[in-house]
Amino acid sequence: MKTDHILIIRLSAMGDVAMTVPIVYSLATQYPHTHITVLSRPFARAFFDDLAPNVGFMEASTEELHNLHGLNGLYRRLVAKHFTAVADFHDVLRTKYLRLRFCMGRFHVAHIDKHRRGKRLLTQQEGKQRVQQPTSFQNYADVLAELGYPIKPDFTSIYPDGKAPAADRSERVGDKPENQRWIGIAPFAAHQGKVYPLGQMKQVVALLTEQHPDYRIFLFGGGKTETEQLNHIAEQTPGCTVASAVVKGLRQELALMSMLDVMVSMDSANMHLASLVATPVVSVWGATHPYAGFMGWRQSEDNAVQFDMDCRPCSIYGNKPCIHGNYPCMKQIEPETIVARIVATAERR
């Protein structure tokens, strides 16, 4: 009898791929005799290599996704694996083409419903309907159910015992004193509508260090410009460490996040990375909103810091121009509000 072998496709940005992990894990543990292969970008290997014994990973190269010639080559590479079902968790032009090829080969194929109409109603300015949309986690699970694999999501952390293995931890981070609180702050996002003003975030850091000088703060960000800005904050603030200076690569970054008492993040990938290691996240929302379905895995909406405005949310991804010109939805969030939520969450740990 042929062993079931499911291909799961999600090719996009880090946060979106991270959100597949709880669902892939639940599928793997509830169907232990089914083999699962995740197709994604090379960075995502760190999420899946040790997730479960029956989960494998395949990289899709930039060249393979560049044009039809590359996609046809990728399809030939995939079809050689003899999948019995294909789950498209992405539903974009590239994955639609791969789906078409699989359908022509009479494979069992299903794809995600992104509930685009509900999201349009959520973000339009006239006749806005503030209704919670199905989460990405539910949307992914629905694809599996359509293929005949209903699941009950039961994921907690990529680390079975709650602690990162020693091999993943950076020696440069050092040991965490038993009574010390470690706070992560990730102030950046891909689009301006999701970024808390950096000047106000500096006030958050200053207030934290003034009120709790025993806290250790790690600043997360990537790229030359972001790193320069974080270095400037760290130089002015005792007890602050730029994470990229003490960790290297996604595995070490996740290991450090697992040691935090709280992660402060925008509606961005860092919220989802921290969620994968069961670290509470204080998330800051502006143009976007948890109603769109992108809250981190098992994160509390009580920790979603927001300023209510009639125009919110105006965007699903935070990439639309602000109708006011200056994103007052972010600017009107007081640094003290964020600090209070950080401290309350950290002291419960």
Protein backbone atom coordinates (compact mmCIF):
# COMPACT_ATOMS: atom_id res chain seq x y z
CA MET A 1 0.00 0.00 0.00
CA LYS A 2 1.36 3.41 -1.00
CA THR A 3 2.31 5.70 1.89
CA ASP A 4 0.54 9.05 1.93
CA HIS A 5 2.92 11.88 1.06
CA ILE A 6 1.64 15.46 1.26
CA LEU A 7 3.34 18.41 -0.40
CA ILE A 8 2.72 21.75 1.36
CA ILE A 9 3.66 24.87 -0.60
CA ARG A 10 4.27 28.27 1.01
CA LEU A 11 6.87 30.43 -0.71
CA SER A 12 6.40 33.88 0.78
CA ALA A 13 7.89 36.07 3.50
CA MET A 14 9.22 34.75 6.81
CA GLY A 15 6.19 35.64 8.93
CA ASP A 16 3.76 33.87 6.59
CA VAL A 17 5.91 30.74 6.47
CA ALA A 18 6.34 30.79 10.26
CA MET A 19 2.56 30.70 10.61
CA THR A 20 2.45 27.34 8.82
CA VAL A 21 4.58 25.68 11.51
CA PRO A 22 1.84 25.02 14.12
CA ILE A 23 -0.35 23.48 11.43
CA VAL A 24 2.39 21.35 9.86
CA TYR A 25 3.39 20.13 13.33
CA SER A 26 -0.19 19.20 14.20
CA LEU A 27 -0.59 17.35 10.91
CA ALA A 28 2.67 15.47 11.48
CA THR A 29 1.84 14.37 15.02
CA GLN A 30 -1.78 13.45 14.32
CA TYR A 31 -0.92 11.54 11.14
CA PRO A 32 2.44 9.99 12.11
CA HIS A 33 2.44 7.51 9.20
CA THR A 34 1.96 10.26 6.61
CA HIS A 35 5.06 11.80 5.12
CA ILE A 36 5.02 15.60 4.74
CA THR A 37 7.28 17.76 2.59
CA VAL A 38 7.25 21.55 2.87
CA LEU A 39 8.34 23.54 -0.19
CA SER A 40 9.53 27.04 0.67
CA ARG A 41 12.40 29.51 0.44
CA PRO A 42 15.80 28.40 1.77
CA PHE A 43 15.54 30.46 5.00
CA ALA A 44 12.60 28.35 6.17
CA ARG A 45 14.64 25.17 6.59
CA ALA A 46 15.33 26.14 10.22
CA PHE A 47 11.60 25.88 10.97
CA PHE A 48 11.09 22.36 9.68
CA ASP A 49 14.30 20.31 9.80
CA ASP A 50 13.72 19.07 13.37
CA LEU A 51 9.97 19.69 13.64
CA ALA A 52 8.88 16.03 13.48
CA PRO A 53 10.36 12.77 12.12
CA ASN A 54 7.89 12.64 9.23
CA VAL A 55 8.44 16.23 8.05
CA GLY A 56 10.91 17.00 5.27
CA PHE A 57 11.88 20.23 3.53
CA MET A 58 12.58 21.23 -0.05
CA GLU A 59 14.06 24.54 -1.14
CA ALA A 60 12.64 26.47 -4.09
CA SER A 61 15.44 28.53 -5.62
CA THR A 62 15.03 32.04 -7.00
CA GLU A 63 15.87 30.70 -10.47
CA GLU A 64 13.12 28.08 -10.28
CA LEU A 65 10.54 30.72 -9.38
CA HIS A 66 11.72 33.29 -11.93
CA ASN A 67 9.86 32.12 -15.06
CA LEU A 68 7.94 29.26 -16.65
CA HIS A 69 11.12 27.41 -17.55
CA GLY A 70 12.17 27.43 -13.89
CA LEU A 71 8.70 26.47 -12.68
CA ASN A 72 8.58 23.55 -15.10
CA GLY A 73 11.93 22.36 -13.78
CA LEU A 74 10.66 22.71 -10.23
CA TYR A 75 7.53 20.73 -11.11
CA ARG A 76 9.65 17.90 -12.55
CA ARG A 77 11.70 17.86 -9.34
CA LEU A 78 8.53 17.73 -7.24
CA VAL A 79 6.65 15.13 -9.24
CA ALA A 80 9.59 12.74 -8.86
CA LYS A 81 8.79 12.60 -5.14
CA HIS A 82 5.49 10.79 -5.86
CA PHE A 83 3.23 12.95 -3.71
CA THR A 84 -0.30 11.71 -3.07
CA ALA A 85 -1.74 15.16 -2.24
CA VAL A 86 -0.78 18.80 -2.74
CA ALA A 87 -1.72 21.62 -0.35
CA ASP A 88 -1.19 25.13 -1.71
CA PHE A 89 -0.98 27.41 1.35
CA HIS A 90 -0.03 30.41 -0.81
CA ASP A 91 -2.32 30.80 -3.86
CA VAL A 92 -0.28 33.20 -5.98
CA LEU A 93 0.54 33.07 -9.68
CA ARG A 94 3.54 30.74 -9.25
CA THR A 95 1.72 28.27 -7.04
CA LYS A 96 -1.36 28.40 -9.24
CA TYR A 97 0.79 27.28 -12.15
CA LEU A 98 2.25 24.42 -10.11
CA ARG A 99 -1.28 23.50 -9.05
CA LEU A 100 -2.36 23.40 -12.68
CA ARG A 101 0.45 21.02 -13.53
CA PHE A 102 -0.43 18.76 -10.60
CA CYS A 103 -4.13 18.84 -11.51
CA MET A 104 -3.29 17.85 -15.09
CA GLY A 105 -1.41 14.92 -13.57
CA ARG A 106 -4.55 14.00 -11.62
CA PHE A 107 -3.10 14.67 -8.20
CA HIS A 108 -5.35 15.46 -5.25
CA VAL A 109 -4.93 19.25 -4.89
CA ALA A 110 -6.43 21.91 -2.59
CA HIS A 111 -5.60 25.57 -2.02
CA ILE A 112 -6.09 28.27 0.59
CA ASP A 113 -9.12 30.54 0.75
CA LYS A 114 -7.75 33.96 1.72
CA HIS A 115 -11.23 35.45 2.36
CA ARG A 116 -10.41 38.47 0.24
CA ARG A 117 -13.97 39.86 0.29
CA GLY A 118 -14.10 39.94 4.07
CA LYS A 119 -10.74 41.67 4.20
CA ARG A 120 -11.88 44.29 1.67
CA LEU A 121 -14.92 45.06 3.84
CA LEU A 122 -12.66 45.24 6.89
CA THR A 123 -10.34 47.84 5.37
CA GLN A 124 -12.64 49.99 3.24
CA GLN A 125 -13.40 53.46 4.58
CA GLU A 126 -17.08 53.60 3.63
CA GLY A 127 -19.26 50.87 5.11
CA LYS A 128 -16.38 49.32 7.02
CA GLN A 129 -17.27 45.99 8.63
CA ARG A 130 -15.06 45.24 11.63
CA VAL A 131 -15.48 41.49 11.69
CA GLN A 132 -12.83 39.00 12.76
CA GLN A 133 -11.60 37.15 9.69
CA PRO A 134 -10.53 33.50 9.83
CA THR A 135 -6.93 33.30 10.96
CA SER A 136 -4.16 32.09 8.68
CA PHE A 137 -3.90 29.05 10.94
CA GLN A 138 -7.55 28.20 10.32
CA ASN A 139 -7.17 28.80 6.60
CA TYR A 140 -4.22 26.40 6.44
CA ALA A 141 -6.08 23.79 8.47
CA ASP A 142 -9.06 24.09 6.12
CA VAL A 143 -6.85 23.16 3.16
CA LEU A 144 -5.75 19.99 4.93
CA ALA A 145 -9.34 19.12 5.84
CA GLU A 146 -10.31 19.46 2.19
CA LEU A 147 -7.59 16.94 1.34
CA GLY A 148 -8.96 14.52 3.95
CA TYR A 149 -6.65 15.36 6.85
CA PRO A 150 -8.65 17.25 9.48
CA ILE A 151 -6.51 18.34 12.40
CA LYS A 152 -6.82 19.79 15.87
CA PRO A 153 -3.99 22.31 16.21
CA ASP A 154 -1.97 21.41 19.32
CA PHE A 155 1.40 23.08 18.82
CA THR A 156 3.24 24.75 21.71
CA SER A 157 6.86 25.33 20.71
CA ILE A 158 9.46 24.14 18.22
CA TYR A 159 11.43 23.10 21.31
CA PRO A 160 9.73 20.04 22.86
CA ASP A 161 10.92 20.76 26.41
CA GLY A 162 10.60 24.52 26.05
CA LYS A 163 14.36 25.11 25.85
CA ALA A 164 16.53 25.51 22.78
CA PRO A 165 19.20 22.82 22.39
CA ALA A 166 22.68 23.90 23.38
CA ALA A 167 23.84 23.66 19.76
CA ASP A 168 21.41 26.42 18.78
CA ARG A 169 22.36 28.83 21.56
CA SER A 170 24.97 31.50 21.10
CA GLU A 171 27.75 31.60 23.67
CA ARG A 172 27.88 35.37 23.19
CA VAL A 173 24.41 35.76 24.71
CA GLY A 174 25.54 34.31 28.02
CA ASP A 175 23.50 32.68 30.76
CA LYS A 176 20.28 34.20 32.01
CA PRO A 177 20.28 34.94 35.78
CA GLU A 178 17.37 33.25 37.49
CA ASN A 179 15.63 36.44 38.62
CA GLN A 180 16.48 38.68 35.67
CA ARG A 181 13.88 39.65 33.05
CA TRP A 182 14.93 39.60 29.40
CA ILE A 183 12.92 41.76 26.98
CA GLY A 184 13.13 41.70 23.20
CA ILE A 185 12.16 44.75 21.15
CA ALA A 186 11.73 44.51 17.38
CA PRO A 187 10.75 48.04 16.26
CA PHE A 188 10.70 47.56 12.49
CA ALA A 189 8.32 46.18 9.86
CA ALA A 190 8.20 46.02 6.08
CA HIS A 191 5.76 48.94 5.71
CA GLN A 192 5.46 52.30 7.46
CA GLY A 193 1.85 51.70 8.44
CA LYS A 194 3.03 48.95 10.79
CA VAL A 195 5.95 50.80 12.41
CA TYR A 196 5.73 52.57 15.75
CA PRO A 197 7.69 55.85 15.44
CA LEU A 198 11.31 55.18 16.36
CA GLY A 199 11.53 58.27 18.57
CA GLN A 200 8.65 56.98 20.67
CA MET A 201 10.14 53.50 20.77
CA LYS A 202 13.34 55.05 22.14
CA GLN A 203 11.16 56.46 24.92
CA VAL A 204 9.84 52.95 25.59
CA VAL A 205 13.41 51.69 25.97
CA ALA A 206 14.38 54.65 28.18
CA LEU A 207 11.36 54.20 30.46
CA LEU A 208 12.00 50.48 30.79
CA THR A 209 15.61 50.95 31.79
CA GLU A 210 14.77 53.77 34.20
CA GLN A 211 11.98 51.87 35.92
CA HIS A 212 13.63 48.44 35.77
CA PRO A 213 17.40 48.79 35.56
CA ASP A 214 17.74 45.05 36.20
CA TYR A 215 16.02 44.23 32.88
CA ARG A 216 18.21 43.19 29.95
CA ILE A 217 16.92 44.42 26.59
CA PHE A 218 17.71 42.87 23.22
CA LEU A 219 17.03 44.93 20.09
CA PHE A 220 16.08 42.97 16.97
CA GLY A 221 16.41 44.14 13.39
CA GLY A 222 18.30 43.43 10.19
CA GLY A 223 19.93 45.29 7.35
CA LYS A 224 22.50 48.08 7.47
CA THR A 225 20.14 50.98 8.21
CA GLU A 226 18.17 49.16 10.92
CA THR A 227 21.36 47.91 12.58
CA GLU A 228 22.84 51.41 12.64
CA GLN A 229 19.68 52.75 14.31
CA LEU A 230 19.70 49.94 16.88
CA ASN A 231 23.38 50.44 17.60
CA HIS A 232 22.68 54.11 18.29
CA ILE A 233 19.97 53.19 20.83
CA ALA A 234 22.16 50.57 22.48
CA GLU A 235 25.10 52.98 22.80
CA GLN A 236 22.89 55.41 24.71
CA THR A 237 21.14 52.85 26.90
CA PRO A 238 22.79 50.68 29.58
CA GLY A 239 21.54 47.10 29.57
CA CYS A 240 20.72 47.12 25.83
CA THR A 241 22.20 44.60 23.39
CA VAL A 242 21.70 44.51 19.63
CA ALA A 243 20.69 40.91 18.96
CA SER A 244 22.53 40.67 15.64
CA ALA A 245 25.78 41.35 17.51
CA VAL A 246 25.42 38.22 19.66
CA VAL A 247 23.51 35.76 17.44
CA LYS A 248 24.14 34.48 13.96
CA GLY A 249 21.42 32.99 11.79
CA LEU A 250 17.79 32.11 12.36
CA ARG A 251 18.44 29.15 14.66
CA GLN A 252 20.37 31.24 17.17
CA GLU A 253 17.82 34.03 16.89
CA LEU A 254 14.98 31.65 17.75
CA ALA A 255 17.00 30.24 20.63
CA LEU A 256 17.49 33.73 22.06
CA MET A 257 13.78 34.52 21.64
CA SER A 258 12.94 31.39 23.65
CA MET A 259 14.87 32.88 26.59
CA LEU A 260 12.93 36.15 26.57
CA ASP A 261 10.18 36.94 29.05
CA VAL A 262 8.48 39.24 26.54
CA MET A 263 8.96 40.16 22.90
CA VAL A 264 7.74 43.58 21.73
CA SER A 265 6.96 43.50 18.04
CA MET A 266 5.04 45.21 15.32
CA ASP A 267 2.63 43.24 13.14
CA SER A 268 5.70 41.61 11.62
CA ALA A 269 7.71 38.41 11.34
CA ASN A 270 9.22 38.78 14.82
CA MET A 271 5.79 38.38 16.38
CA HIS A 272 5.49 35.02 14.63
CA LEU A 273 9.04 33.91 15.38
CA ALA A 274 8.56 34.57 19.10
CA SER A 275 5.24 32.73 18.96
CA LEU A 276 7.00 29.61 17.66
CA VAL A 277 9.03 29.42 20.89
CA ALA A 278 6.06 30.18 23.18
CA THR A 279 7.31 33.64 24.18
CA PRO A 280 4.55 36.17 25.00
CA VAL A 281 4.39 39.05 22.54
CA VAL A 282 3.29 42.62 23.19
CA SER A 283 2.30 43.58 19.65
CA VAL A 284 1.80 47.14 18.41
CA TRP A 285 -0.79 47.72 15.68
CA GLY A 286 -1.43 50.77 13.48
CA ALA A 287 -2.77 50.59 9.93
CA THR A 288 -3.37 46.86 10.32
CA HIS A 289 -5.49 45.03 12.87
CA PRO A 290 -5.71 41.56 14.49
CA TYR A 291 -9.14 41.22 12.85
CA ALA A 292 -7.36 40.49 9.56
CA GLY A 293 -6.30 37.12 11.00
CA PHE A 294 -2.55 37.57 11.42
CA MET A 295 -2.18 37.58 15.21
CA GLY A 296 0.68 35.38 16.39
CA TRP A 297 0.04 31.77 17.40
CA ARG A 298 -1.69 31.62 20.79
CA GLN A 299 -0.89 35.25 21.53
CA SER A 300 -3.29 37.17 23.74
CA GLU A 301 -5.28 40.00 22.17
CA ASP A 302 -4.99 41.70 25.56
CA ASN A 303 -1.35 42.27 24.60
CA ALA A 304 -2.25 43.88 21.26
CA VAL A 305 -1.62 47.59 21.83
CA GLN A 306 -3.82 49.75 19.61
CA PHE A 307 -5.35 53.21 19.34
CA ASP A 308 -8.93 53.05 18.07
CA MET A 309 -9.76 55.25 15.08
CA ASP A 310 -12.69 55.15 12.68
CA CYS A 311 -10.32 54.60 9.74
CA ARG A 312 -8.67 51.52 11.27
CA PRO A 313 -7.79 49.16 9.85
CA CYS A 314 -7.04 50.78 6.52
CA SER A 315 -4.76 48.06 5.18
CA ILE A 316 -4.19 44.33 5.42
CA TYR A 317 -0.42 44.57 4.97
CA GLY A 318 0.26 48.15 6.11
CA ASN A 319 1.37 49.25 2.64
CA LYS A 320 -1.35 51.79 1.81
CA PRO A 321 -0.83 55.56 2.18
CA CYS A 322 -2.34 57.04 5.34
CA ILE A 323 -5.44 59.16 4.63
CA HIS A 324 -4.23 61.55 7.36
CA GLY A 325 -0.69 61.57 6.01
CA ASN A 326 1.16 60.82 9.25
CA TYR A 327 -0.24 57.60 10.76
CA PRO A 328 -1.84 59.05 13.92
CA CYS A 329 -2.98 55.50 14.74
CA MET A 330 0.63 54.81 15.72
CA LYS A 331 1.68 58.23 16.98
CA GLN A 332 -1.15 58.44 19.51
CA ILE A 333 -0.07 55.27 21.31
CA GLU A 334 1.74 56.50 24.42
CA PRO A 335 5.11 54.89 25.25
CA GLU A 336 3.86 54.48 28.84
CA THR A 337 1.05 52.25 27.56
CA ILE A 338 3.50 49.89 25.90
CA VAL A 339 5.82 49.88 28.93
CA ALA A 340 2.95 49.03 31.28
CA ARG A 341 1.96 46.09 29.11
CA ILE A 342 5.56 44.84 28.89
CA VAL A 343 6.07 44.97 32.65
CA ALA A 344 2.73 43.34 33.46
CA THR A 345 3.48 40.49 31.05
CA ALA A 346 7.09 40.03 32.17
CA GLU A 347 6.22 39.93 35.85
CA ARG A 348 3.75 37.09 35.24
CA ARG A 349 6.45 34.86 33.78
